[in-house]
Amino acid sequence: VQLQASGGGLVQTGGSLRLSCTASGRTSSGRAMGWFRQIPGKEREFVAAINGDGRSAYYADSVKGRFTMSKDNAENTVYLQMTSLKAEDTAVYYCTARTSVWLKTGSDEHTYWGQGTQVTVSS
């Protein structure tokens, strides 16, 4: 499974961005997927995850109410809509996929990782 993320960029505090991640390869559809982020020098941090059918999502407390993850299985694509962005949201964001349909929040439970896309929020 290959994951291609896009949509990162520079935005001002309070602004919005939408990240996209398209999965390709054998049996890439129907998997639970997630988003993690990492600041240089710090550990990767869970952001959001969604079940394989796209009906249930879970968010880190730090983004709950501001970020929304969705899944289009027909397009093998997940999205992360980010609103009310803060300077502390600045990080490289990674798209992930599991071998299961059930969402998990641990980074070691996500087998496939995309290349990362930079999100910078300026104050």
PDB file of N, CA and C in Angstrom:
ATOM      1  N   VAL A   1       0.856  -1.189   0.000  1.00  0.00           N
ATOM      2  CA  VAL A   1       0.000   0.000   0.000  1.00  0.00           C
ATOM      3  C   VAL A   1       0.892   1.239   0.000  1.00  0.00           C
ATOM      4  N   GLN A   2       0.635   2.121  -0.940  1.00  0.00           N
ATOM      5  CA  GLN A   2       1.360   3.385  -0.998  1.00  0.00           C
ATOM      6  C   GLN A   2       0.398   4.525  -0.654  1.00  0.00           C
ATOM      7  N   LEU A   3       0.903   5.496   0.106  1.00  0.00           N
ATOM      8  CA  LEU A   3       0.094   6.620   0.549  1.00  0.00           C
ATOM      9  C   LEU A   3       0.717   7.910   0.053  1.00  0.00           C
ATOM     10  N   GLN A   4      -0.085   8.741  -0.583  1.00  0.00           N
ATOM     11  CA  GLN A   4       0.386  10.014  -1.117  1.00  0.00           C
ATOM     12  C   GLN A   4      -0.434  11.129  -0.486  1.00  0.00           C
ATOM     13  N   ALA A   5       0.228  11.919   0.357  1.00  0.00           N
ATOM     14  CA  ALA A   5      -0.441  13.020   1.042  1.00  0.00           C
ATOM     15  C   ALA A   5      -0.161  14.334   0.341  1.00  0.00           C
ATOM     16  N   SER A   6      -1.115  15.235   0.432  1.00  0.00           N
ATOM     17  CA  SER A   6      -0.957  16.562  -0.162  1.00  0.00           C
ATOM     18  C   SER A   6      -1.823  17.552   0.600  1.00  0.00           C
ATOM     19  N   GLY A   7      -1.628  18.840   0.295  1.00  0.00           N
ATOM     20  CA  GLY A   7      -2.487  19.869   0.869  1.00  0.00           C
ATOM     21  C   GLY A   7      -1.856  20.710   1.954  1.00  0.00           C
ATOM     22  N   GLY A   8      -0.646  20.371   2.355  1.00  0.00           N
ATOM     23  CA  GLY A   8       0.013  21.177   3.367  1.00  0.00           C
ATOM     24  C   GLY A   8       0.397  22.538   2.820  1.00  0.00           C
ATOM     25  N   GLY A   9       0.821  23.424   3.721  1.00  0.00           N
ATOM     26  CA  GLY A   9       1.227  24.744   3.292  1.00  0.00           C
ATOM     27  C   GLY A   9       1.343  25.698   4.455  1.00  0.00           C
ATOM     28  N   LEU A  10       1.404  26.967   4.123  1.00  0.00           N
ATOM     29  CA  LEU A  10       1.525  28.034   5.114  1.00  0.00           C
ATOM     30  C   LEU A  10       0.179  28.741   5.260  1.00  0.00           C
ATOM     31  N   VAL A  11      -0.263  28.905   6.497  1.00  0.00           N
ATOM     32  CA  VAL A  11      -1.534  29.558   6.751  1.00  0.00           C
ATOM     33  C   VAL A  11      -1.410  30.380   8.013  1.00  0.00           C
ATOM     34  N   GLN A  12      -2.212  31.425   8.117  1.00  0.00           N
ATOM     35  CA  GLN A  12      -2.176  32.265   9.308  1.00  0.00           C
ATOM     36  C   GLN A  12      -3.015  31.647  10.429  1.00  0.00           C
ATOM     37  N   THR A  13      -2.719  32.044  11.642  1.00  0.00           N
ATOM     38  CA  THR A  13      -3.489  31.603  12.799  1.00  0.00           C
ATOM     39  C   THR A  13      -4.973  31.877  12.575  1.00  0.00           C
ATOM     40  N   GLY A  14      -5.776  30.866  12.867  1.00  0.00           N
ATOM     41  CA  GLY A  14      -7.211  30.992  12.665  1.00  0.00           C
ATOM     42  C   GLY A  14      -7.682  30.534  11.304  1.00  0.00           C
ATOM     43  N   GLY A  15      -6.740  30.255  10.404  1.00  0.00           N
ATOM     44  CA  GLY A  15      -7.091  29.832   9.061  1.00  0.00           C
ATOM     45  C   GLY A  15      -7.407  28.355   8.969  1.00  0.00           C
ATOM     46  N   SER A  16      -7.616  27.897   7.740  1.00  0.00           N
ATOM     47  CA  SER A  16      -7.998  26.506   7.483  1.00  0.00           C
ATOM     48  C   SER A  16      -7.137  25.904   6.383  1.00  0.00           C
ATOM     49  N   LEU A  17      -6.991  24.598   6.449  1.00  0.00           N
ATOM     50  CA  LEU A  17      -6.333  23.824   5.408  1.00  0.00           C
ATOM     51  C   LEU A  17      -7.024  22.470   5.324  1.00  0.00           C
ATOM     52  N   ARG A  18      -6.970  21.858   4.144  1.00  0.00           N
ATOM     53  CA  ARG A  18      -7.477  20.500   4.009  1.00  0.00           C
ATOM     54  C   ARG A  18      -6.375  19.616   3.451  1.00  0.00           C
ATOM     55  N   LEU A  19      -6.020  18.608   4.207  1.00  0.00           N
ATOM     56  CA  LEU A  19      -5.053  17.621   3.751  1.00  0.00           C
ATOM     57  C   LEU A  19      -5.787  16.460   3.087  1.00  0.00           C
ATOM     58  N   SER A  20      -5.161  15.910   2.060  1.00  0.00           N
ATOM     59  CA  SER A  20      -5.698  14.741   1.369  1.00  0.00           C
ATOM     60  C   SER A  20      -4.646  13.643   1.376  1.00  0.00           C
ATOM     61  N   CYS A  21      -5.113  12.413   1.337  1.00  0.00           N
ATOM     62  CA  CYS A  21      -4.194  11.283   1.268  1.00  0.00           C
ATOM     63  C   CYS A  21      -4.863  10.184   0.462  1.00  0.00           C
ATOM     64  N   THR A  22      -4.227   9.793  -0.626  1.00  0.00           N
ATOM     65  CA  THR A  22      -4.759   8.752  -1.499  1.00  0.00           C
ATOM     66  C   THR A  22      -3.933   7.484  -1.359  1.00  0.00           C
ATOM     67  N   ALA A  23      -4.628   6.379  -1.160  1.00  0.00           N
ATOM     68  CA  ALA A  23      -3.976   5.081  -1.028  1.00  0.00           C
ATOM     69  C   ALA A  23      -4.036   4.340  -2.351  1.00  0.00           C
ATOM     70  N   SER A  24      -2.960   3.630  -2.669  1.00  0.00           N
ATOM     71  CA  SER A  24      -2.927   2.827  -3.882  1.00  0.00           C
ATOM     72  C   SER A  24      -2.237   1.509  -3.575  1.00  0.00           C
ATOM     73  N   GLY A  25      -2.407   0.559  -4.477  1.00  0.00           N
ATOM     74  CA  GLY A  25      -1.818  -0.748  -4.265  1.00  0.00           C
ATOM     75  C   GLY A  25      -2.887  -1.780  -3.962  1.00  0.00           C
ATOM     76  N   ARG A  26      -2.448  -3.006  -3.825  1.00  0.00           N
ATOM     77  CA  ARG A  26      -3.391  -4.097  -3.597  1.00  0.00           C
ATOM     78  C   ARG A  26      -4.133  -3.926  -2.286  1.00  0.00           C
ATOM     79  N   THR A  27      -5.410  -4.198  -2.288  1.00  0.00           N
ATOM     80  CA  THR A  27      -6.267  -4.160  -1.101  1.00  0.00           C
ATOM     81  C   THR A  27      -6.111  -2.861  -0.318  1.00  0.00           C
ATOM     82  N   SER A  28      -5.951  -1.740  -1.027  1.00  0.00           N
ATOM     83  CA  SER A  28      -5.768  -0.472  -0.335  1.00  0.00           C
ATOM     84  C   SER A  28      -7.076   0.091   0.190  1.00  0.00           C
ATOM     85  N   SER A  29      -8.201  -0.342  -0.345  1.00  0.00           N
ATOM     86  CA  SER A  29      -9.475   0.212   0.091  1.00  0.00           C
ATOM     87  C   SER A  29      -9.975  -0.501   1.336  1.00  0.00           C
ATOM     88  N   GLY A  30     -10.861   0.189   2.086  1.00  0.00           N
ATOM     89  CA  GLY A  30     -11.502  -0.421   3.238  1.00  0.00           C
ATOM     90  C   GLY A  30     -10.657  -0.496   4.486  1.00  0.00           C
ATOM     91  N   ARG A  31      -9.464   0.046   4.473  1.00  0.00           N
ATOM     92  CA  ARG A  31      -8.600   0.002   5.649  1.00  0.00           C
ATOM     93  C   ARG A  31      -8.898   1.168   6.591  1.00  0.00           C
ATOM     94  N   ALA A  32      -8.680   0.948   7.877  1.00  0.00           N
ATOM     95  CA  ALA A  32      -8.675   2.063   8.819  1.00  0.00           C
ATOM     96  C   ALA A  32      -7.452   2.923   8.513  1.00  0.00           C
ATOM     97  N   MET A  33      -7.608   4.238   8.651  1.00  0.00           N
ATOM     98  CA  MET A  33      -6.506   5.136   8.336  1.00  0.00           C
ATOM     99  C   MET A  33      -6.383   6.193   9.414  1.00  0.00           C
ATOM    100  N   GLY A  34      -5.277   6.903   9.371  1.00  0.00           N
ATOM    101  CA  GLY A  34      -5.055   7.896  10.410  1.00  0.00           C
ATOM    102  C   GLY A  34      -4.172   9.025   9.946  1.00  0.00           C
ATOM    103  N   TRP A  35      -4.068  10.008  10.797  1.00  0.00           N
ATOM    104  CA  TRP A  35      -3.126  11.122  10.621  1.00  0.00           C
ATOM    105  C   TRP A  35      -2.330  11.274  11.920  1.00  0.00           C
ATOM    106  N   PHE A  36      -1.029  11.418  11.755  1.00  0.00           N
ATOM    107  CA  PHE A  36      -0.127  11.725  12.857  1.00  0.00           C
ATOM    108  C   PHE A  36       0.651  12.970  12.469  1.00  0.00           C
ATOM    109  N   ARG A  37       1.269  13.601  13.437  1.00  0.00           N
ATOM    110  CA  ARG A  37       2.108  14.760  13.132  1.00  0.00           C
ATOM    111  C   ARG A  37       3.360  14.722  13.999  1.00  0.00           C
ATOM    112  N   GLN A  38       4.381  15.411  13.507  1.00  0.00           N
ATOM    113  CA  GLN A  38       5.653  15.416  14.227  1.00  0.00           C
ATOM    114  C   GLN A  38       6.359  16.746  14.073  1.00  0.00           C
ATOM    115  N   ILE A  39       6.829  17.244  15.197  1.00  0.00           N
ATOM    116  CA  ILE A  39       7.668  18.436  15.228  1.00  0.00           C
ATOM    117  C   ILE A  39       9.101  17.954  15.400  1.00  0.00           C
ATOM    118  N   PRO A  40      10.066  18.574  14.711  1.00  0.00           N
ATOM    119  CA  PRO A  40      11.464  18.141  14.864  1.00  0.00           C
ATOM    120  C   PRO A  40      11.891  18.080  16.323  1.00  0.00           C
ATOM    121  N   GLY A  41      12.493  16.952  16.688  1.00  0.00           N
ATOM    122  CA  GLY A  41      12.969  16.793  18.055  1.00  0.00           C
ATOM    123  C   GLY A  41      11.939  16.226  19.008  1.00  0.00           C
ATOM    124  N   LYS A  42      10.710  16.024  18.507  1.00  0.00           N
ATOM    125  CA  LYS A  42       9.657  15.478  19.366  1.00  0.00           C
ATOM    126  C   LYS A  42       9.115  14.187  18.770  1.00  0.00           C
ATOM    127  N   GLU A  43       8.421  13.423  19.607  1.00  0.00           N
ATOM    128  CA  GLU A  43       7.841  12.172  19.135  1.00  0.00           C
ATOM    129  C   GLU A  43       6.632  12.445  18.243  1.00  0.00           C
ATOM    130  N   ARG A  44       6.333  11.468  17.413  1.00  0.00           N
ATOM    131  CA  ARG A  44       5.131  11.582  16.594  1.00  0.00           C
ATOM    132  C   ARG A  44       3.907  11.578  17.489  1.00  0.00           C
ATOM    133  N   GLU A  45       2.922  12.374  17.098  1.00  0.00           N
ATOM    134  CA  GLU A  45       1.725  12.578  17.904  1.00  0.00           C
ATOM    135  C   GLU A  45       0.502  12.163  17.100  1.00  0.00           C
ATOM    136  N   PHE A  46      -0.384  11.416  17.733  1.00  0.00           N
ATOM    137  CA  PHE A  46      -1.637  11.032  17.092  1.00  0.00           C
ATOM    138  C   PHE A  46      -2.503  12.264  16.899  1.00  0.00           C
ATOM    139  N   VAL A  47      -3.155  12.347  15.727  1.00  0.00           N
ATOM    140  CA  VAL A  47      -4.060  13.448  15.437  1.00  0.00           C
ATOM    141  C   VAL A  47      -5.498  12.944  15.279  1.00  0.00           C
ATOM    142  N   ALA A  48      -5.698  11.998  14.370  1.00  0.00           N
ATOM    143  CA  ALA A  48      -7.045  11.505  14.086  1.00  0.00           C
ATOM    144  C   ALA A  48      -6.960  10.134  13.430  1.00  0.00           C
ATOM    145  N   ALA A  49      -8.047   9.363  13.563  1.00  0.00           N
ATOM    146  CA  ALA A  49      -8.124   8.060  12.911  1.00  0.00           C
ATOM    147  C   ALA A  49      -9.574   7.792  12.532  1.00  0.00           C
ATOM    148  N   ILE A  50      -9.757   6.938  11.534  1.00  0.00           N
ATOM    149  CA  ILE A  50     -11.095   6.647  11.047  1.00  0.00           C
ATOM    150  C   ILE A  50     -11.202   5.181  10.696  1.00  0.00           C
ATOM    151  N   ASN A  51     -12.381   4.597  10.952  1.00  0.00           N
ATOM    152  CA  ASN A  51     -12.603   3.206  10.614  1.00  0.00           C
ATOM    153  C   ASN A  51     -12.619   2.993   9.106  1.00  0.00           C
ATOM    154  N   GLY A  52     -12.493   1.740   8.700  1.00  0.00           N
ATOM    155  CA  GLY A  52     -12.433   1.414   7.285  1.00  0.00           C
ATOM    156  C   GLY A  52     -13.665   1.829   6.503  1.00  0.00           C
ATOM    157  N   ASP A  53     -14.825   1.806   7.138  1.00  0.00           N
ATOM    158  CA  ASP A  53     -16.046   2.203   6.439  1.00  0.00           C
ATOM    159  C   ASP A  53     -16.279   3.701   6.479  1.00  0.00           C
ATOM    160  N   GLY A  54     -15.431   4.417   7.193  1.00  0.00           N
ATOM    161  CA  GLY A  54     -15.535   5.867   7.245  1.00  0.00           C
ATOM    162  C   GLY A  54     -16.610   6.400   8.159  1.00  0.00           C
ATOM    163  N   ARG A  55     -17.242   5.537   8.943  1.00  0.00           N
ATOM    164  CA  ARG A  55     -18.393   5.969   9.737  1.00  0.00           C
ATOM    165  C   ARG A  55     -18.036   6.412  11.141  1.00  0.00           C
ATOM    166  N   SER A  56     -16.848   6.073  11.585  1.00  0.00           N
ATOM    167  CA  SER A  56     -16.459   6.411  12.943  1.00  0.00           C
ATOM    168  C   SER A  56     -15.049   6.964  12.954  1.00  0.00           C
ATOM    169  N   ALA A  57     -14.874   8.107  13.595  1.00  0.00           N
ATOM    170  CA  ALA A  57     -13.563   8.746  13.682  1.00  0.00           C
ATOM    171  C   ALA A  57     -13.261   9.089  15.135  1.00  0.00           C
ATOM    172  N   TYR A  58     -11.984   9.233  15.416  1.00  0.00           N
ATOM    173  CA  TYR A  58     -11.538   9.559  16.780  1.00  0.00           C
ATOM    174  C   TYR A  58     -10.444  10.603  16.671  1.00  0.00           C
ATOM    175  N   TYR A  59     -10.443  11.559  17.614  1.00  0.00           N
ATOM    176  CA  TYR A  59      -9.525  12.682  17.527  1.00  0.00           C
ATOM    177  C   TYR A  59      -8.738  12.860  18.824  1.00  0.00           C
ATOM    178  N   ALA A  60      -7.532  13.385  18.672  1.00  0.00           N
ATOM    179  CA  ALA A  60      -6.769  13.812  19.837  1.00  0.00           C
ATOM    180  C   ALA A  60      -7.486  14.989  20.482  1.00  0.00           C
ATOM    181  N   ASP A  61      -7.368  15.101  21.793  1.00  0.00           N
ATOM    182  CA  ASP A  61      -8.029  16.200  22.495  1.00  0.00           C
ATOM    183  C   ASP A  61      -7.585  17.561  21.967  1.00  0.00           C
ATOM    184  N   SER A  62      -6.335  17.639  21.538  1.00  0.00           N
ATOM    185  CA  SER A  62      -5.780  18.917  21.097  1.00  0.00           C
ATOM    186  C   SER A  62      -6.417  19.437  19.809  1.00  0.00           C
ATOM    187  N   VAL A  63      -7.066  18.549  19.046  1.00  0.00           N
ATOM    188  CA  VAL A  63      -7.660  18.978  17.767  1.00  0.00           C
ATOM    189  C   VAL A  63      -9.168  18.787  17.731  1.00  0.00           C
ATOM    190  N   LYS A  64      -9.723  18.170  18.755  1.00  0.00           N
ATOM    191  CA  LYS A  64     -11.152  17.876  18.763  1.00  0.00           C
ATOM    192  C   LYS A  64     -11.950  19.164  18.646  1.00  0.00           C
ATOM    193  N   GLY A  65     -12.939  19.137  17.758  1.00  0.00           N
ATOM    194  CA  GLY A  65     -13.758  20.324  17.526  1.00  0.00           C
ATOM    195  C   GLY A  65     -13.200  21.254  16.467  1.00  0.00           C
ATOM    196  N   ARG A  66     -11.936  21.053  16.082  1.00  0.00           N
ATOM    197  CA  ARG A  66     -11.321  21.910  15.056  1.00  0.00           C
ATOM    198  C   ARG A  66     -10.997  21.129  13.790  1.00  0.00           C
ATOM    199  N   PHE A  67     -10.645  19.848  13.939  1.00  0.00           N
ATOM    200  CA  PHE A  67     -10.273  19.010  12.801  1.00  0.00           C
ATOM    201  C   PHE A  67     -11.368  17.985  12.543  1.00  0.00           C
ATOM    202  N   THR A  68     -11.561  17.661  11.266  1.00  0.00           N
ATOM    203  CA  THR A  68     -12.516  16.629  10.884  1.00  0.00           C
ATOM    204  C   THR A  68     -11.875  15.712   9.861  1.00  0.00           C
ATOM    205  N   MET A  69     -11.906  14.414  10.168  1.00  0.00           N
ATOM    206  CA  MET A  69     -11.362  13.431   9.236  1.00  0.00           C
ATOM    207  C   MET A  69     -12.516  12.735   8.535  1.00  0.00           C
ATOM    208  N   SER A  70     -12.368  12.538   7.221  1.00  0.00           N
ATOM    209  CA  SER A  70     -13.392  11.841   6.455  1.00  0.00           C
ATOM    210  C   SER A  70     -12.726  10.887   5.477  1.00  0.00           C
ATOM    211  N   LYS A  71     -13.535   9.976   4.927  1.00  0.00           N
ATOM    212  CA  LYS A  71     -12.976   8.918   4.069  1.00  0.00           C
ATOM    213  C   LYS A  71     -13.898   8.680   2.891  1.00  0.00           C
ATOM    214  N   ASP A  72     -13.318   8.633   1.710  1.00  0.00           N
ATOM    215  CA  ASP A  72     -14.043   8.325   0.485  1.00  0.00           C
ATOM    216  C   ASP A  72     -13.497   7.015  -0.046  1.00  0.00           C
ATOM    217  N   ASN A  73     -14.191   5.928   0.249  1.00  0.00           N
ATOM    218  CA  ASN A  73     -13.669   4.622  -0.157  1.00  0.00           C
ATOM    219  C   ASN A  73     -13.698   4.421  -1.666  1.00  0.00           C
ATOM    220  N   ALA A  74     -14.607   5.076  -2.333  1.00  0.00           N
ATOM    221  CA  ALA A  74     -14.655   4.955  -3.788  1.00  0.00           C
ATOM    222  C   ALA A  74     -13.392   5.516  -4.423  1.00  0.00           C
ATOM    223  N   GLU A  75     -12.808   6.542  -3.782  1.00  0.00           N
ATOM    224  CA  GLU A  75     -11.600   7.186  -4.286  1.00  0.00           C
ATOM    225  C   GLU A  75     -10.350   6.764  -3.526  1.00  0.00           C
ATOM    226  N   ASN A  76     -10.515   5.865  -2.525  1.00  0.00           N
ATOM    227  CA  ASN A  76      -9.382   5.450  -1.679  1.00  0.00           C
ATOM    228  C   ASN A  76      -8.648   6.648  -1.092  1.00  0.00           C
ATOM    229  N   THR A  77      -9.406   7.632  -0.650  1.00  0.00           N
ATOM    230  CA  THR A  77      -8.827   8.885  -0.183  1.00  0.00           C
ATOM    231  C   THR A  77      -9.412   9.264   1.177  1.00  0.00           C
ATOM    232  N   VAL A  78      -8.541   9.761   2.047  1.00  0.00           N
ATOM    233  CA  VAL A  78      -8.991  10.349   3.302  1.00  0.00           C
ATOM    234  C   VAL A  78      -8.632  11.826   3.305  1.00  0.00           C
ATOM    235  N   TYR A  79      -9.391  12.571   4.076  1.00  0.00           N
ATOM    236  CA  TYR A  79      -9.188  14.000   4.170  1.00  0.00           C
ATOM    237  C   TYR A  79      -9.070  14.386   5.643  1.00  0.00           C
ATOM    238  N   LEU A  80      -8.322  15.453   5.883  1.00  0.00           N
ATOM    239  CA  LEU A  80      -8.270  16.040   7.208  1.00  0.00           C
ATOM    240  C   LEU A  80      -8.551  17.531   7.043  1.00  0.00           C
ATOM    241  N   GLN A  81      -9.771  17.930   7.377  1.00  0.00           N
ATOM    242  CA  GLN A  81     -10.144  19.329   7.323  1.00  0.00           C
ATOM    243  C   GLN A  81      -9.726  19.979   8.624  1.00  0.00           C
ATOM    244  N   MET A  82      -8.859  20.968   8.535  1.00  0.00           N
ATOM    245  CA  MET A  82      -8.319  21.626   9.726  1.00  0.00           C
ATOM    246  C   MET A  82      -8.797  23.073   9.747  1.00  0.00           C
ATOM    247  N   THR A  83      -9.448  23.464  10.813  1.00  0.00           N
ATOM    248  CA  THR A  83      -9.938  24.821  10.965  1.00  0.00           C
ATOM    249  C   THR A  83      -9.415  25.426  12.266  1.00  0.00           C
ATOM    250  N   SER A  84      -9.571  26.730  12.404  1.00  0.00           N
ATOM    251  CA  SER A  84      -9.112  27.442  13.607  1.00  0.00           C
ATOM    252  C   SER A  84      -7.686  27.046  13.965  1.00  0.00           C
ATOM    253  N   LEU A  85      -6.839  27.047  12.963  1.00  0.00           N
ATOM    254  CA  LEU A  85      -5.474  26.574  13.159  1.00  0.00           C
ATOM    255  C   LEU A  85      -4.696  27.471  14.119  1.00  0.00           C
ATOM    256  N   LYS A  86      -3.837  26.812  14.899  1.00  0.00           N
ATOM    257  CA  LYS A  86      -3.013  27.489  15.887  1.00  0.00           C
ATOM    258  C   LYS A  86      -1.541  27.267  15.563  1.00  0.00           C
ATOM    259  N   ALA A  87      -0.690  28.111  16.109  1.00  0.00           N
ATOM    260  CA  ALA A  87       0.749  27.963  15.868  1.00  0.00           C
ATOM    261  C   ALA A  87       1.234  26.576  16.296  1.00  0.00           C
ATOM    262  N   GLU A  88       0.650  26.039  17.342  1.00  0.00           N
ATOM    263  CA  GLU A  88       1.082  24.723  17.843  1.00  0.00           C
ATOM    264  C   GLU A  88       0.634  23.567  16.955  1.00  0.00           C
ATOM    265  N   ASP A  89      -0.139  23.854  15.903  1.00  0.00           N
ATOM    266  CA  ASP A  89      -0.483  22.820  14.930  1.00  0.00           C
ATOM    267  C   ASP A  89       0.613  22.662  13.877  1.00  0.00           C
ATOM    268  N   THR A  90       1.599  23.549  13.900  1.00  0.00           N
ATOM    269  CA  THR A  90       2.703  23.472  12.951  1.00  0.00           C
ATOM    270  C   THR A  90       3.468  22.169  13.137  1.00  0.00           C
ATOM    271  N   ALA A  91       3.591  21.391  12.056  1.00  0.00           N
ATOM    272  CA  ALA A  91       4.241  20.082  12.116  1.00  0.00           C
ATOM    273  C   ALA A  91       4.252  19.478  10.720  1.00  0.00           C
ATOM    274  N   VAL A  92       4.962  18.376  10.589  1.00  0.00           N
ATOM    275  CA  VAL A  92       4.825  17.533   9.405  1.00  0.00           C
ATOM    276  C   VAL A  92       3.715  16.532   9.698  1.00  0.00           C
ATOM    277  N   TYR A  93       2.744  16.468   8.803  1.00  0.00           N
ATOM    278  CA  TYR A  93       1.594  15.592   8.987  1.00  0.00           C
ATOM    279  C   TYR A  93       1.758  14.349   8.118  1.00  0.00           C
ATOM    280  N   TYR A  94       1.559  13.181   8.749  1.00  0.00           N
ATOM    281  CA  TYR A  94       1.727  11.902   8.069  1.00  0.00           C
ATOM    282  C   TYR A  94       0.379  11.188   7.981  1.00  0.00           C
ATOM    283  N   CYS A  95       0.098  10.680   6.798  1.00  0.00           N
ATOM    284  CA  CYS A  95      -1.068   9.836   6.577  1.00  0.00           C
ATOM    285  C   CYS A  95      -0.658   8.387   6.824  1.00  0.00           C
ATOM    286  N   THR A  96      -1.535   7.619   7.438  1.00  0.00           N
ATOM    287  CA  THR A  96      -1.209   6.229   7.747  1.00  0.00           C
ATOM    288  C   THR A  96      -2.373   5.313   7.374  1.00  0.00           C
ATOM    289  N   ALA A  97      -2.061   4.031   7.255  1.00  0.00           N
ATOM    290  CA  ALA A  97      -3.094   3.024   7.012  1.00  0.00           C
ATOM    291  C   ALA A  97      -2.783   1.779   7.823  1.00  0.00           C
ATOM    292  N   ARG A  98      -3.827   1.106   8.271  1.00  0.00           N
ATOM    293  CA  ARG A  98      -3.665  -0.129   9.042  1.00  0.00           C
ATOM    294  C   ARG A  98      -3.944  -1.318   8.154  1.00  0.00           C
ATOM    295  N   THR A  99      -3.665  -2.481   8.690  1.00  0.00           N
ATOM    296  CA  THR A  99      -4.013  -3.716   7.985  1.00  0.00           C
ATOM    297  C   THR A  99      -5.408  -4.174   8.382  1.00  0.00           C
ATOM    298  N   SER A 100      -6.072  -3.426   9.232  1.00  0.00           N
ATOM    299  CA  SER A 100      -7.388  -3.754   9.772  1.00  0.00           C
ATOM    300  C   SER A 100      -8.394  -2.678   9.380  1.00  0.00           C
ATOM    301  N   VAL A 101      -9.688  -2.985   9.561  1.00  0.00           N
ATOM    302  CA  VAL A 101     -10.735  -1.993   9.309  1.00  0.00           C
ATOM    303  C   VAL A 101     -11.010  -1.138  10.539  1.00  0.00           C
ATOM    304  N   TRP A 102     -10.424  -1.540  11.691  1.00  0.00           N
ATOM    305  CA  TRP A 102     -10.740  -0.850  12.948  1.00  0.00           C
ATOM    306  C   TRP A 102      -9.689   0.212  13.269  1.00  0.00           C
ATOM    307  N   LEU A 103     -10.165   1.381  13.672  1.00  0.00           N
ATOM    308  CA  LEU A 103      -9.244   2.465  13.965  1.00  0.00           C
ATOM    309  C   LEU A 103      -8.504   2.202  15.271  1.00  0.00           C
ATOM    310  N   LYS A 104      -7.254   2.669  15.305  1.00  0.00           N
ATOM    311  CA  LYS A 104      -6.415   2.613  16.495  1.00  0.00           C
ATOM    312  C   LYS A 104      -5.646   3.929  16.571  1.00  0.00           C
ATOM    313  N   THR A 105      -5.179   4.272  17.765  1.00  0.00           N
ATOM    314  CA  THR A 105      -4.494   5.550  17.929  1.00  0.00           C
ATOM    315  C   THR A 105      -2.994   5.430  18.137  1.00  0.00           C
ATOM    316  N   GLY A 106      -2.487   4.239  18.330  1.00  0.00           N
ATOM    317  CA  GLY A 106      -1.058   4.060  18.527  1.00  0.00           C
ATOM    318  C   GLY A 106      -0.307   4.043  17.215  1.00  0.00           C
ATOM    319  N   SER A 107       0.827   4.734  17.160  1.00  0.00           N
ATOM    320  CA  SER A 107       1.583   4.782  15.909  1.00  0.00           C
ATOM    321  C   SER A 107       2.105   3.407  15.511  1.00  0.00           C
ATOM    322  N   ASP A 108       2.392   2.550  16.492  1.00  0.00           N
ATOM    323  CA  ASP A 108       2.903   1.220  16.165  1.00  0.00           C
ATOM    324  C   ASP A 108       1.817   0.295  15.640  1.00  0.00           C
ATOM    325  N   GLU A 109       0.571   0.752  15.648  1.00  0.00           N
ATOM    326  CA  GLU A 109      -0.545  -0.029  15.116  1.00  0.00           C
ATOM    327  C   GLU A 109      -0.889   0.364  13.683  1.00  0.00           C
ATOM    328  N   HIS A 110      -0.115   1.254  13.122  1.00  0.00           N
ATOM    329  CA  HIS A 110      -0.315   1.698  11.742  1.00  0.00           C
ATOM    330  C   HIS A 110       0.872   1.207  10.921  1.00  0.00           C
ATOM    331  N   THR A 111       0.576   0.365   9.950  1.00  0.00           N
ATOM    332  CA  THR A 111       1.633  -0.322   9.201  1.00  0.00           C
ATOM    333  C   THR A 111       2.210   0.520   8.078  1.00  0.00           C
ATOM    334  N   TYR A 112       1.371   1.263   7.409  1.00  0.00           N
ATOM    335  CA  TYR A 112       1.794   2.008   6.220  1.00  0.00           C
ATOM    336  C   TYR A 112       1.798   3.508   6.517  1.00  0.00           C
ATOM    337  N   TRP A 113       2.860   4.175   6.043  1.00  0.00           N
ATOM    338  CA  TRP A 113       3.032   5.607   6.291  1.00  0.00           C
ATOM    339  C   TRP A 113       3.341   6.326   4.994  1.00  0.00           C
ATOM    340  N   GLY A 114       2.720   7.490   4.818  1.00  0.00           N
ATOM    341  CA  GLY A 114       3.027   8.337   3.678  1.00  0.00           C
ATOM    342  C   GLY A 114       4.280   9.153   3.942  1.00  0.00           C
ATOM    343  N   GLN A 115       4.590  10.010   2.996  1.00  0.00           N
ATOM    344  CA  GLN A 115       5.854  10.756   3.049  1.00  0.00           C
ATOM    345  C   GLN A 115       5.782  11.997   3.931  1.00  0.00           C
ATOM    346  N   GLY A 116       4.621  12.425   4.321  1.00  0.00           N
ATOM    347  CA  GLY A 116       4.503  13.608   5.163  1.00  0.00           C
ATOM    348  C   GLY A 116       4.304  14.867   4.351  1.00  0.00           C
ATOM    349  N   THR A 117       3.524  15.774   4.904  1.00  0.00           N
ATOM    350  CA  THR A 117       3.302  17.074   4.276  1.00  0.00           C
ATOM    351  C   THR A 117       3.401  18.147   5.369  1.00  0.00           C
ATOM    352  N   GLN A 118       4.114  19.226   5.067  1.00  0.00           N
ATOM    353  CA  GLN A 118       4.386  20.257   6.066  1.00  0.00           C
ATOM    354  C   GLN A 118       3.198  21.209   6.194  1.00  0.00           C
ATOM    355  N   VAL A 119       2.803  21.450   7.429  1.00  0.00           N
ATOM    356  CA  VAL A 119       1.799  22.457   7.748  1.00  0.00           C
ATOM    357  C   VAL A 119       2.465  23.487   8.660  1.00  0.00           C
ATOM    358  N   THR A 120       2.428  24.738   8.237  1.00  0.00           N
ATOM    359  CA  THR A 120       3.016  25.816   9.023  1.00  0.00           C
ATOM    360  C   THR A 120       1.956  26.866   9.294  1.00  0.00           C
ATOM    361  N   VAL A 121       1.738  27.145  10.570  1.00  0.00           N
ATOM    362  CA  VAL A 121       0.754  28.147  10.978  1.00  0.00           C
ATOM    363  C   VAL A 121       1.510  29.323  11.571  1.00  0.00           C
ATOM    364  N   SER A 122       1.374  30.473  10.940  1.00  0.00           N
ATOM    365  CA  SER A 122       2.105  31.657  11.387  1.00  0.00           C
ATOM    366  C   SER A 122       1.211  32.520  12.262  1.00  0.00           C
ATOM    367  N   SER A 123       1.809  33.045  13.309  1.00  0.00           N
ATOM    368  CA  SER A 123       1.035  33.882  14.241  1.00  0.00           C
ATOM    369  C   SER A 123       1.176  35.353  13.888  1.00  0.00           C
TER     370      SER A 123
END
